[in-house]
Amino acid sequence: MTLDLLPVGQSARIVAVDWARLVDEEAQRLRSLGLEPGAVVAVAHRGVFAGKDPIALSIGRMTVALRRVHAMAMTVEPIAEAADFTEAFAVAAE
């Protein structure tokens, strides 16, 4: 599943990013924000416009606004339990 399809409130781990779909500057910005394979994220909100842009993501203690086209380049694996989110975040931080 890609990140743009993740339901609001659902936590997930980023398992792959198709960096080739992104402009180099955009890819660099996303990496600097920690949006790389292994990162644990959750969709906090979606925009109200027709394309549901932007998507607000929680990553650690940050909230990051992400364009839907960028989220479509990220493959995620949903995390079932809140306890798993805490554990996965600890693993990703190492």
N, C-alpha and C. Protein backbone atom coordinates (compact mmCIF):
# COMPACT_ATOMS: atom_id res chain seq x y z
N MET A 1 0.85 -1.17 0.00
CA MET A 1 0.00 0.00 0.00
C MET A 1 0.90 1.24 0.00
N THR A 2 0.47 2.27 -0.70
CA THR A 2 1.23 3.51 -0.69
C THR A 2 0.70 4.43 0.41
N LEU A 3 1.54 5.34 0.84
CA LEU A 3 1.22 6.22 1.96
C LEU A 3 -0.03 7.06 1.73
N ASP A 4 -0.30 7.44 0.50
CA ASP A 4 -1.49 8.26 0.22
C ASP A 4 -2.80 7.51 0.50
N LEU A 5 -2.77 6.18 0.56
CA LEU A 5 -3.96 5.37 0.81
C LEU A 5 -4.15 5.00 2.27
N LEU A 6 -3.18 5.33 3.11
CA LEU A 6 -3.25 4.99 4.52
C LEU A 6 -4.37 5.79 5.19
N PRO A 7 -5.26 5.13 5.93
CA PRO A 7 -6.36 5.84 6.60
C PRO A 7 -5.86 6.81 7.67
N VAL A 8 -6.62 7.86 7.91
CA VAL A 8 -6.29 8.83 8.96
C VAL A 8 -6.27 8.10 10.30
N GLY A 9 -5.23 8.36 11.08
CA GLY A 9 -5.08 7.74 12.40
C GLY A 9 -4.33 6.43 12.39
N GLN A 10 -4.13 5.83 11.23
CA GLN A 10 -3.43 4.54 11.11
C GLN A 10 -1.92 4.78 11.11
N SER A 11 -1.21 3.99 11.88
CA SER A 11 0.25 4.04 11.91
C SER A 11 0.81 3.04 10.91
N ALA A 12 1.98 3.38 10.36
CA ALA A 12 2.62 2.48 9.40
C ALA A 12 4.12 2.71 9.39
N ARG A 13 4.83 1.72 8.89
CA ARG A 13 6.28 1.81 8.71
C ARG A 13 6.54 1.97 7.21
N ILE A 14 7.40 2.91 6.86
CA ILE A 14 7.78 3.07 5.46
C ILE A 14 8.73 1.93 5.11
N VAL A 15 8.37 1.15 4.08
CA VAL A 15 9.21 0.01 3.69
C VAL A 15 10.02 0.28 2.43
N ALA A 16 9.57 1.22 1.61
CA ALA A 16 10.31 1.56 0.39
C ALA A 16 9.89 2.94 -0.09
N VAL A 17 10.83 3.63 -0.73
CA VAL A 17 10.53 4.92 -1.35
C VAL A 17 11.07 4.88 -2.78
N ASP A 18 10.25 5.24 -3.74
CA ASP A 18 10.66 5.31 -5.14
C ASP A 18 11.24 6.71 -5.38
N TRP A 19 12.50 6.88 -5.00
CA TRP A 19 13.15 8.20 -5.09
C TRP A 19 13.17 8.72 -6.52
N ALA A 20 13.17 7.84 -7.51
CA ALA A 20 13.22 8.26 -8.92
C ALA A 20 11.97 9.04 -9.33
N ARG A 21 10.85 8.86 -8.62
CA ARG A 21 9.61 9.59 -8.93
C ARG A 21 9.64 11.03 -8.44
N LEU A 22 10.64 11.36 -7.62
CA LEU A 22 10.71 12.68 -7.00
C LEU A 22 11.84 13.51 -7.57
N VAL A 23 11.65 14.81 -7.58
CA VAL A 23 12.72 15.74 -7.97
C VAL A 23 13.80 15.65 -6.89
N ASP A 24 15.07 15.77 -7.27
CA ASP A 24 16.17 15.60 -6.33
C ASP A 24 16.03 16.46 -5.08
N GLU A 25 15.65 17.73 -5.25
CA GLU A 25 15.51 18.64 -4.11
C GLU A 25 14.40 18.17 -3.17
N GLU A 26 13.31 17.67 -3.75
CA GLU A 26 12.20 17.17 -2.93
C GLU A 26 12.63 15.92 -2.17
N ALA A 27 13.32 15.02 -2.84
CA ALA A 27 13.80 13.80 -2.20
C ALA A 27 14.74 14.13 -1.05
N GLN A 28 15.62 15.08 -1.25
CA GLN A 28 16.56 15.49 -0.20
C GLN A 28 15.81 16.07 1.00
N ARG A 29 14.79 16.89 0.75
CA ARG A 29 13.99 17.47 1.83
C ARG A 29 13.28 16.39 2.63
N LEU A 30 12.69 15.42 1.93
CA LEU A 30 11.98 14.34 2.62
C LEU A 30 12.93 13.49 3.46
N ARG A 31 14.13 13.23 2.93
CA ARG A 31 15.13 12.47 3.70
C ARG A 31 15.54 13.25 4.95
N SER A 32 15.71 14.56 4.80
CA SER A 32 16.13 15.36 5.96
C SER A 32 15.05 15.41 7.04
N LEU A 33 13.80 15.20 6.65
CA LEU A 33 12.70 15.15 7.62
C LEU A 33 12.53 13.75 8.24
N GLY A 34 13.32 12.79 7.76
CA GLY A 34 13.25 11.44 8.30
C GLY A 34 12.29 10.52 7.59
N LEU A 35 11.79 10.93 6.43
CA LEU A 35 10.85 10.09 5.68
C LEU A 35 11.62 9.15 4.77
N GLU A 36 12.15 8.11 5.38
CA GLU A 36 12.95 7.10 4.70
C GLU A 36 12.46 5.72 5.12
N PRO A 37 12.89 4.67 4.42
CA PRO A 37 12.52 3.32 4.84
C PRO A 37 12.89 3.08 6.30
N GLY A 38 11.95 2.48 7.03
CA GLY A 38 12.15 2.23 8.45
C GLY A 38 11.44 3.24 9.34
N ALA A 39 11.13 4.40 8.81
CA ALA A 39 10.46 5.43 9.61
C ALA A 39 9.02 5.03 9.89
N VAL A 40 8.55 5.36 11.08
CA VAL A 40 7.17 5.09 11.48
C VAL A 40 6.39 6.40 11.39
N VAL A 41 5.28 6.36 10.66
CA VAL A 41 4.47 7.55 10.43
C VAL A 41 3.00 7.24 10.71
N ALA A 42 2.20 8.29 10.84
CA ALA A 42 0.75 8.15 10.95
C ALA A 42 0.13 9.33 10.23
N VAL A 43 -0.95 9.09 9.51
CA VAL A 43 -1.67 10.18 8.84
C VAL A 43 -2.50 10.89 9.90
N ALA A 44 -2.23 12.19 10.09
CA ALA A 44 -2.95 12.98 11.09
C ALA A 44 -4.19 13.63 10.48
N HIS A 45 -4.04 14.18 9.27
CA HIS A 45 -5.14 14.89 8.59
C HIS A 45 -4.93 14.81 7.09
N ARG A 46 -6.00 15.03 6.37
CA ARG A 46 -5.94 15.17 4.91
C ARG A 46 -6.53 16.52 4.55
N GLY A 47 -6.01 17.10 3.47
CA GLY A 47 -6.54 18.37 3.00
C GLY A 47 -7.98 18.24 2.55
N VAL A 48 -8.64 19.38 2.41
CA VAL A 48 -10.05 19.38 2.04
C VAL A 48 -10.27 19.62 0.56
N PHE A 49 -9.22 19.91 -0.17
CA PHE A 49 -9.37 20.16 -1.60
C PHE A 49 -9.59 18.87 -2.36
N ALA A 50 -9.96 18.97 -3.61
CA ALA A 50 -10.36 17.81 -4.42
C ALA A 50 -9.35 16.67 -4.39
N GLY A 51 -8.07 16.98 -4.45
CA GLY A 51 -7.05 15.93 -4.45
C GLY A 51 -6.64 15.46 -3.08
N LYS A 52 -7.31 15.97 -2.03
CA LYS A 52 -6.98 15.63 -0.65
C LYS A 52 -5.55 16.04 -0.30
N ASP A 53 -5.10 17.14 -0.87
CA ASP A 53 -3.77 17.68 -0.59
C ASP A 53 -3.88 18.83 0.39
N PRO A 54 -2.91 19.04 1.25
CA PRO A 54 -1.80 18.14 1.56
C PRO A 54 -2.22 17.08 2.58
N ILE A 55 -1.29 16.16 2.84
CA ILE A 55 -1.48 15.14 3.86
C ILE A 55 -0.59 15.53 5.03
N ALA A 56 -1.16 15.60 6.22
CA ALA A 56 -0.37 15.90 7.43
C ALA A 56 0.04 14.57 8.05
N LEU A 57 1.34 14.38 8.21
CA LEU A 57 1.88 13.16 8.78
C LEU A 57 2.49 13.43 10.14
N SER A 58 2.29 12.52 11.06
CA SER A 58 3.02 12.55 12.32
C SER A 58 4.20 11.62 12.16
N ILE A 59 5.38 12.13 12.44
CA ILE A 59 6.59 11.32 12.41
C ILE A 59 7.38 11.71 13.65
N GLY A 60 7.43 10.80 14.59
CA GLY A 60 8.02 11.14 15.88
C GLY A 60 7.16 12.20 16.55
N ARG A 61 7.80 13.28 16.97
CA ARG A 61 7.06 14.38 17.60
C ARG A 61 6.76 15.50 16.61
N MET A 62 7.05 15.29 15.34
CA MET A 62 6.81 16.31 14.31
C MET A 62 5.53 16.03 13.57
N THR A 63 4.95 17.09 13.02
CA THR A 63 3.87 16.97 12.05
C THR A 63 4.39 17.61 10.78
N VAL A 64 4.33 16.86 9.68
CA VAL A 64 4.88 17.30 8.41
C VAL A 64 3.79 17.30 7.36
N ALA A 65 3.69 18.37 6.58
CA ALA A 65 2.75 18.41 5.47
C ALA A 65 3.43 17.83 4.24
N LEU A 66 2.74 16.92 3.59
CA LEU A 66 3.30 16.19 2.45
C LEU A 66 2.32 16.23 1.30
N ARG A 67 2.82 16.50 0.11
CA ARG A 67 1.96 16.47 -1.07
C ARG A 67 1.59 15.02 -1.39
N ARG A 68 0.40 14.86 -1.90
CA ARG A 68 -0.09 13.50 -2.21
C ARG A 68 0.82 12.79 -3.21
N VAL A 69 1.35 13.52 -4.19
CA VAL A 69 2.23 12.91 -5.18
C VAL A 69 3.49 12.34 -4.51
N HIS A 70 3.96 12.97 -3.44
CA HIS A 70 5.12 12.44 -2.71
C HIS A 70 4.73 11.20 -1.92
N ALA A 71 3.55 11.24 -1.31
CA ALA A 71 3.07 10.08 -0.55
C ALA A 71 2.87 8.86 -1.45
N MET A 72 2.51 9.11 -2.70
CA MET A 72 2.31 8.01 -3.65
C MET A 72 3.61 7.28 -3.98
N ALA A 73 4.75 7.91 -3.71
CA ALA A 73 6.05 7.29 -3.98
C ALA A 73 6.54 6.44 -2.82
N MET A 74 5.77 6.42 -1.72
CA MET A 74 6.21 5.69 -0.52
C MET A 74 5.32 4.48 -0.26
N THR A 75 5.94 3.32 -0.15
CA THR A 75 5.23 2.09 0.18
C THR A 75 5.32 1.90 1.68
N VAL A 76 4.16 1.62 2.29
CA VAL A 76 4.10 1.47 3.75
C VAL A 76 3.50 0.14 4.14
N GLU A 77 3.77 -0.25 5.38
CA GLU A 77 3.22 -1.46 5.97
C GLU A 77 2.48 -1.03 7.24
N PRO A 78 1.16 -1.17 7.28
CA PRO A 78 0.41 -0.76 8.47
C PRO A 78 0.88 -1.47 9.74
N ILE A 79 0.81 -0.75 10.85
CA ILE A 79 1.16 -1.30 12.16
C ILE A 79 -0.16 -1.46 12.91
N ALA A 80 -0.42 -2.67 13.41
CA ALA A 80 -1.73 -3.01 13.97
C ALA A 80 -2.04 -2.36 15.31
N GLU A 81 -1.14 -2.38 16.24
CA GLU A 81 -1.43 -1.95 17.61
C GLU A 81 -0.64 -0.70 17.98
N ALA A 82 -1.17 0.06 18.92
CA ALA A 82 -0.48 1.25 19.44
C ALA A 82 0.85 0.84 20.08
N ALA A 83 0.87 -0.31 20.75
CA ALA A 83 2.11 -0.78 21.37
C ALA A 83 3.16 -1.06 20.31
N ASP A 84 2.72 -1.60 19.16
CA ASP A 84 3.64 -1.86 18.06
C ASP A 84 4.22 -0.56 17.53
N PHE A 85 3.43 0.51 17.52
CA PHE A 85 3.89 1.81 17.05
C PHE A 85 5.05 2.28 17.91
N THR A 86 4.92 2.17 19.24
CA THR A 86 5.97 2.59 20.16
C THR A 86 7.22 1.76 19.95
N GLU A 87 7.05 0.45 19.82
CA GLU A 87 8.17 -0.44 19.61
C GLU A 87 8.84 -0.16 18.27
N ALA A 88 8.04 0.01 17.21
CA ALA A 88 8.59 0.26 15.89
C ALA A 88 9.32 1.59 15.85
N PHE A 89 8.79 2.59 16.55
CA PHE A 89 9.44 3.90 16.59
C PHE A 89 10.80 3.78 17.27
N ALA A 90 10.87 3.01 18.34
CA ALA A 90 12.14 2.81 19.06
C ALA A 90 13.15 2.12 18.15
N VAL A 91 12.73 1.13 17.38
CA VAL A 91 13.61 0.43 16.46
C VAL A 91 14.09 1.37 15.36
N ALA A 92 13.19 2.17 14.82
CA ALA A 92 13.53 3.10 13.74
C ALA A 92 14.50 4.17 14.23
N ALA A 93 14.44 4.54 15.50
CA ALA A 93 15.29 5.59 16.05
C ALA A 93 16.73 5.12 16.26
N GLU A 94 16.93 3.80 16.31
CA GLU A 94 18.29 3.26 16.56
C GLU A 94 19.23 3.44 15.42
